[in-house]
Amino acid sequence: MSNVRHVLVLPDRDAAEEVAEELGDRFGVTEEPQLVRDALAGEDDAEDAQWLVVVEDPSGRLDSLALDAFAAEYEGWLETP
């Protein structure tokens, strides 16, 4: 089975950090999610950056619908591959 990677897109760093912390409690994610600042194309203003929470899912057990709903609680979404 190939390693699955889920990418949650969040509106700001605070939301991304909260989501990263909550993933362990909500979904039993054991590997530390990676936070990535994603500046929108052509935007110089750091306030317009989205934050990505990258979750490795080696066993492919995380439910993408549940992850999308979880991200939506923070005004974010699950990026579809």
N, C-alpha and C. Protein backbone atom coordinates (compact mmCIF):
# COMPACT_ATOMS: atom_id res chain seq x y z
N MET A 1 0.86 -1.19 0.00
CA MET A 1 0.00 0.00 0.00
C MET A 1 0.89 1.24 0.00
N SER A 2 0.56 2.18 -0.85
CA SER A 2 1.38 3.39 -0.92
C SER A 2 1.01 4.34 0.20
N ASN A 3 1.98 5.16 0.56
CA ASN A 3 1.77 6.14 1.61
C ASN A 3 0.81 7.22 1.11
N VAL A 4 -0.22 7.50 1.91
CA VAL A 4 -1.19 8.53 1.55
C VAL A 4 -0.81 9.80 2.30
N ARG A 5 -0.91 10.92 1.61
CA ARG A 5 -0.63 12.22 2.23
C ARG A 5 -1.87 13.08 2.10
N HIS A 6 -2.35 13.59 3.23
CA HIS A 6 -3.50 14.48 3.23
C HIS A 6 -3.01 15.90 3.46
N VAL A 7 -3.58 16.84 2.72
CA VAL A 7 -3.19 18.24 2.88
C VAL A 7 -4.42 19.05 3.27
N LEU A 8 -4.40 19.60 4.47
CA LEU A 8 -5.49 20.46 4.95
C LEU A 8 -5.06 21.90 4.73
N VAL A 9 -5.95 22.68 4.15
CA VAL A 9 -5.66 24.09 3.86
C VAL A 9 -6.40 24.93 4.89
N LEU A 10 -5.65 25.78 5.62
CA LEU A 10 -6.22 26.59 6.68
C LEU A 10 -5.97 28.07 6.40
N PRO A 11 -6.84 28.94 6.94
CA PRO A 11 -6.75 30.36 6.61
C PRO A 11 -5.58 31.08 7.27
N ASP A 12 -5.07 30.57 8.40
CA ASP A 12 -3.98 31.27 9.07
C ASP A 12 -3.19 30.31 9.95
N ARG A 13 -2.08 30.82 10.46
CA ARG A 13 -1.18 29.97 11.24
C ARG A 13 -1.84 29.44 12.53
N ASP A 14 -2.60 30.29 13.21
CA ASP A 14 -3.24 29.85 14.45
C ASP A 14 -4.15 28.65 14.21
N ALA A 15 -4.95 28.73 13.15
CA ALA A 15 -5.84 27.62 12.82
C ALA A 15 -5.04 26.37 12.49
N ALA A 16 -3.97 26.55 11.72
CA ALA A 16 -3.14 25.40 11.33
C ALA A 16 -2.52 24.73 12.55
N GLU A 17 -2.04 25.55 13.51
CA GLU A 17 -1.43 24.97 14.71
C GLU A 17 -2.46 24.23 15.55
N GLU A 18 -3.66 24.80 15.66
CA GLU A 18 -4.72 24.13 16.42
C GLU A 18 -5.10 22.81 15.77
N VAL A 19 -5.24 22.82 14.45
CA VAL A 19 -5.60 21.60 13.72
C VAL A 19 -4.51 20.55 13.91
N ALA A 20 -3.24 20.96 13.80
CA ALA A 20 -2.13 20.01 13.95
C ALA A 20 -2.16 19.36 15.33
N GLU A 21 -2.45 20.16 16.36
CA GLU A 21 -2.52 19.61 17.72
C GLU A 21 -3.71 18.68 17.88
N GLU A 22 -4.83 19.07 17.32
CA GLU A 22 -6.09 18.33 17.49
C GLU A 22 -6.10 17.01 16.71
N LEU A 23 -5.29 16.92 15.66
CA LEU A 23 -5.30 15.70 14.83
C LEU A 23 -4.99 14.45 15.63
N GLY A 24 -4.07 14.56 16.58
CA GLY A 24 -3.74 13.40 17.39
C GLY A 24 -4.92 12.93 18.23
N ASP A 25 -5.62 13.90 18.83
CA ASP A 25 -6.75 13.55 19.68
C ASP A 25 -7.94 13.05 18.86
N ARG A 26 -8.22 13.74 17.78
CA ARG A 26 -9.41 13.42 17.00
C ARG A 26 -9.25 12.18 16.13
N PHE A 27 -8.07 12.04 15.52
CA PHE A 27 -7.89 10.99 14.52
C PHE A 27 -6.80 9.98 14.88
N GLY A 28 -6.15 10.16 16.04
CA GLY A 28 -5.11 9.23 16.43
C GLY A 28 -3.87 9.31 15.57
N VAL A 29 -3.63 10.49 14.99
CA VAL A 29 -2.42 10.67 14.18
C VAL A 29 -1.23 10.69 15.13
N THR A 30 -0.26 9.81 14.89
CA THR A 30 0.89 9.73 15.78
C THR A 30 2.08 10.51 15.24
N GLU A 31 2.20 10.59 13.91
CA GLU A 31 3.31 11.32 13.32
C GLU A 31 2.99 12.82 13.35
N GLU A 32 3.98 13.62 13.70
CA GLU A 32 3.79 15.06 13.79
C GLU A 32 3.43 15.63 12.41
N PRO A 33 2.27 16.29 12.29
CA PRO A 33 1.92 16.89 11.00
C PRO A 33 2.90 18.02 10.66
N GLN A 34 3.08 18.25 9.39
CA GLN A 34 3.99 19.29 8.93
C GLN A 34 3.18 20.54 8.60
N LEU A 35 3.60 21.69 9.13
CA LEU A 35 2.94 22.95 8.82
C LEU A 35 3.74 23.68 7.75
N VAL A 36 3.07 24.11 6.71
CA VAL A 36 3.73 24.78 5.60
C VAL A 36 2.98 26.06 5.28
N ARG A 37 3.71 27.16 5.21
CA ARG A 37 3.10 28.43 4.82
C ARG A 37 3.01 28.45 3.31
N ASP A 38 1.83 28.72 2.79
CA ASP A 38 1.59 28.69 1.36
C ASP A 38 1.15 30.07 0.90
N ALA A 39 2.11 30.89 0.46
CA ALA A 39 1.77 32.23 -0.01
C ALA A 39 0.98 32.11 -1.30
N LEU A 40 -0.10 32.84 -1.38
CA LEU A 40 -0.92 32.80 -2.58
C LEU A 40 -0.14 33.44 -3.73
N ALA A 41 -0.33 32.91 -4.92
CA ALA A 41 0.41 33.38 -6.09
C ALA A 41 0.27 34.88 -6.27
N GLY A 42 1.41 35.54 -6.38
CA GLY A 42 1.39 36.97 -6.63
C GLY A 42 1.16 37.84 -5.41
N GLU A 43 1.01 37.24 -4.25
CA GLU A 43 0.74 38.01 -3.04
C GLU A 43 2.03 38.23 -2.26
N ASP A 44 2.33 39.48 -1.94
CA ASP A 44 3.51 39.78 -1.13
C ASP A 44 3.17 39.88 0.34
N ASP A 45 1.93 40.16 0.63
CA ASP A 45 1.50 40.39 2.00
C ASP A 45 1.38 39.06 2.74
N ALA A 46 2.12 38.92 3.81
CA ALA A 46 2.12 37.66 4.57
C ALA A 46 0.74 37.33 5.12
N GLU A 47 -0.10 38.35 5.32
CA GLU A 47 -1.43 38.10 5.86
C GLU A 47 -2.30 37.30 4.89
N ASP A 48 -1.93 37.31 3.61
CA ASP A 48 -2.71 36.59 2.62
C ASP A 48 -2.24 35.16 2.42
N ALA A 49 -1.33 34.71 3.26
CA ALA A 49 -0.83 33.35 3.12
C ALA A 49 -1.81 32.37 3.75
N GLN A 50 -1.99 31.25 3.09
CA GLN A 50 -2.73 30.14 3.70
C GLN A 50 -1.69 29.25 4.36
N TRP A 51 -2.15 28.41 5.27
CA TRP A 51 -1.26 27.45 5.90
C TRP A 51 -1.74 26.06 5.57
N LEU A 52 -0.79 25.19 5.28
CA LEU A 52 -1.10 23.81 4.97
C LEU A 52 -0.66 22.94 6.13
N VAL A 53 -1.50 21.98 6.47
CA VAL A 53 -1.13 20.97 7.45
C VAL A 53 -1.04 19.66 6.67
N VAL A 54 0.18 19.14 6.57
CA VAL A 54 0.42 17.93 5.79
C VAL A 54 0.46 16.74 6.75
N VAL A 55 -0.43 15.78 6.51
CA VAL A 55 -0.56 14.62 7.39
C VAL A 55 -0.17 13.37 6.60
N GLU A 56 0.85 12.69 7.08
CA GLU A 56 1.24 11.41 6.47
C GLU A 56 0.30 10.34 7.01
N ASP A 57 -0.19 9.50 6.12
CA ASP A 57 -1.14 8.44 6.49
C ASP A 57 -0.67 7.12 5.88
N PRO A 58 0.43 6.56 6.45
CA PRO A 58 1.06 5.39 5.82
C PRO A 58 0.13 4.19 5.69
N SER A 59 -0.84 4.05 6.60
CA SER A 59 -1.73 2.90 6.50
C SER A 59 -3.01 3.22 5.73
N GLY A 60 -3.15 4.48 5.28
CA GLY A 60 -4.33 4.86 4.50
C GLY A 60 -5.62 4.72 5.27
N ARG A 61 -5.58 4.96 6.58
CA ARG A 61 -6.77 4.71 7.40
C ARG A 61 -7.59 5.96 7.70
N LEU A 62 -7.07 7.14 7.37
CA LEU A 62 -7.81 8.36 7.68
C LEU A 62 -8.92 8.59 6.66
N ASP A 63 -10.08 9.00 7.15
CA ASP A 63 -11.25 9.24 6.31
C ASP A 63 -11.20 10.67 5.76
N SER A 64 -11.10 10.79 4.44
CA SER A 64 -10.95 12.12 3.86
C SER A 64 -12.19 12.99 4.09
N LEU A 65 -13.38 12.40 4.12
CA LEU A 65 -14.59 13.19 4.40
C LEU A 65 -14.56 13.74 5.82
N ALA A 66 -14.10 12.93 6.76
CA ALA A 66 -14.01 13.38 8.14
C ALA A 66 -12.94 14.47 8.28
N LEU A 67 -11.83 14.32 7.57
CA LEU A 67 -10.77 15.33 7.60
C LEU A 67 -11.27 16.65 7.01
N ASP A 68 -12.03 16.56 5.93
CA ASP A 68 -12.57 17.77 5.30
C ASP A 68 -13.53 18.48 6.25
N ALA A 69 -14.40 17.73 6.90
CA ALA A 69 -15.34 18.31 7.86
C ALA A 69 -14.59 18.93 9.04
N PHE A 70 -13.53 18.25 9.49
CA PHE A 70 -12.71 18.76 10.59
C PHE A 70 -12.06 20.09 10.19
N ALA A 71 -11.47 20.16 9.00
CA ALA A 71 -10.83 21.40 8.53
C ALA A 71 -11.87 22.52 8.40
N ALA A 72 -13.09 22.15 8.00
CA ALA A 72 -14.15 23.15 7.82
C ALA A 72 -14.50 23.83 9.14
N GLU A 73 -14.31 23.13 10.25
CA GLU A 73 -14.55 23.74 11.57
C GLU A 73 -13.62 24.93 11.80
N TYR A 74 -12.51 24.95 11.08
CA TYR A 74 -11.52 26.03 11.20
C TYR A 74 -11.49 26.90 9.94
N GLU A 75 -12.59 26.86 9.18
CA GLU A 75 -12.70 27.62 7.92
C GLU A 75 -11.68 27.19 6.89
N GLY A 76 -11.36 25.92 6.91
CA GLY A 76 -10.42 25.37 5.94
C GLY A 76 -11.07 24.24 5.15
N TRP A 77 -10.24 23.49 4.43
CA TRP A 77 -10.74 22.37 3.65
C TRP A 77 -9.61 21.39 3.41
N LEU A 78 -9.99 20.20 2.96
CA LEU A 78 -9.03 19.17 2.58
C LEU A 78 -8.75 19.32 1.09
N GLU A 79 -7.48 19.48 0.75
CA GLU A 79 -7.09 19.59 -0.66
C GLU A 79 -7.28 18.22 -1.32
N THR A 80 -7.95 18.17 -2.45
CA THR A 80 -8.11 16.88 -3.12
C THR A 80 -6.90 16.67 -4.03
N PRO A 81 -6.39 15.43 -4.05
CA PRO A 81 -5.17 15.15 -4.82
C PRO A 81 -5.37 15.35 -6.31
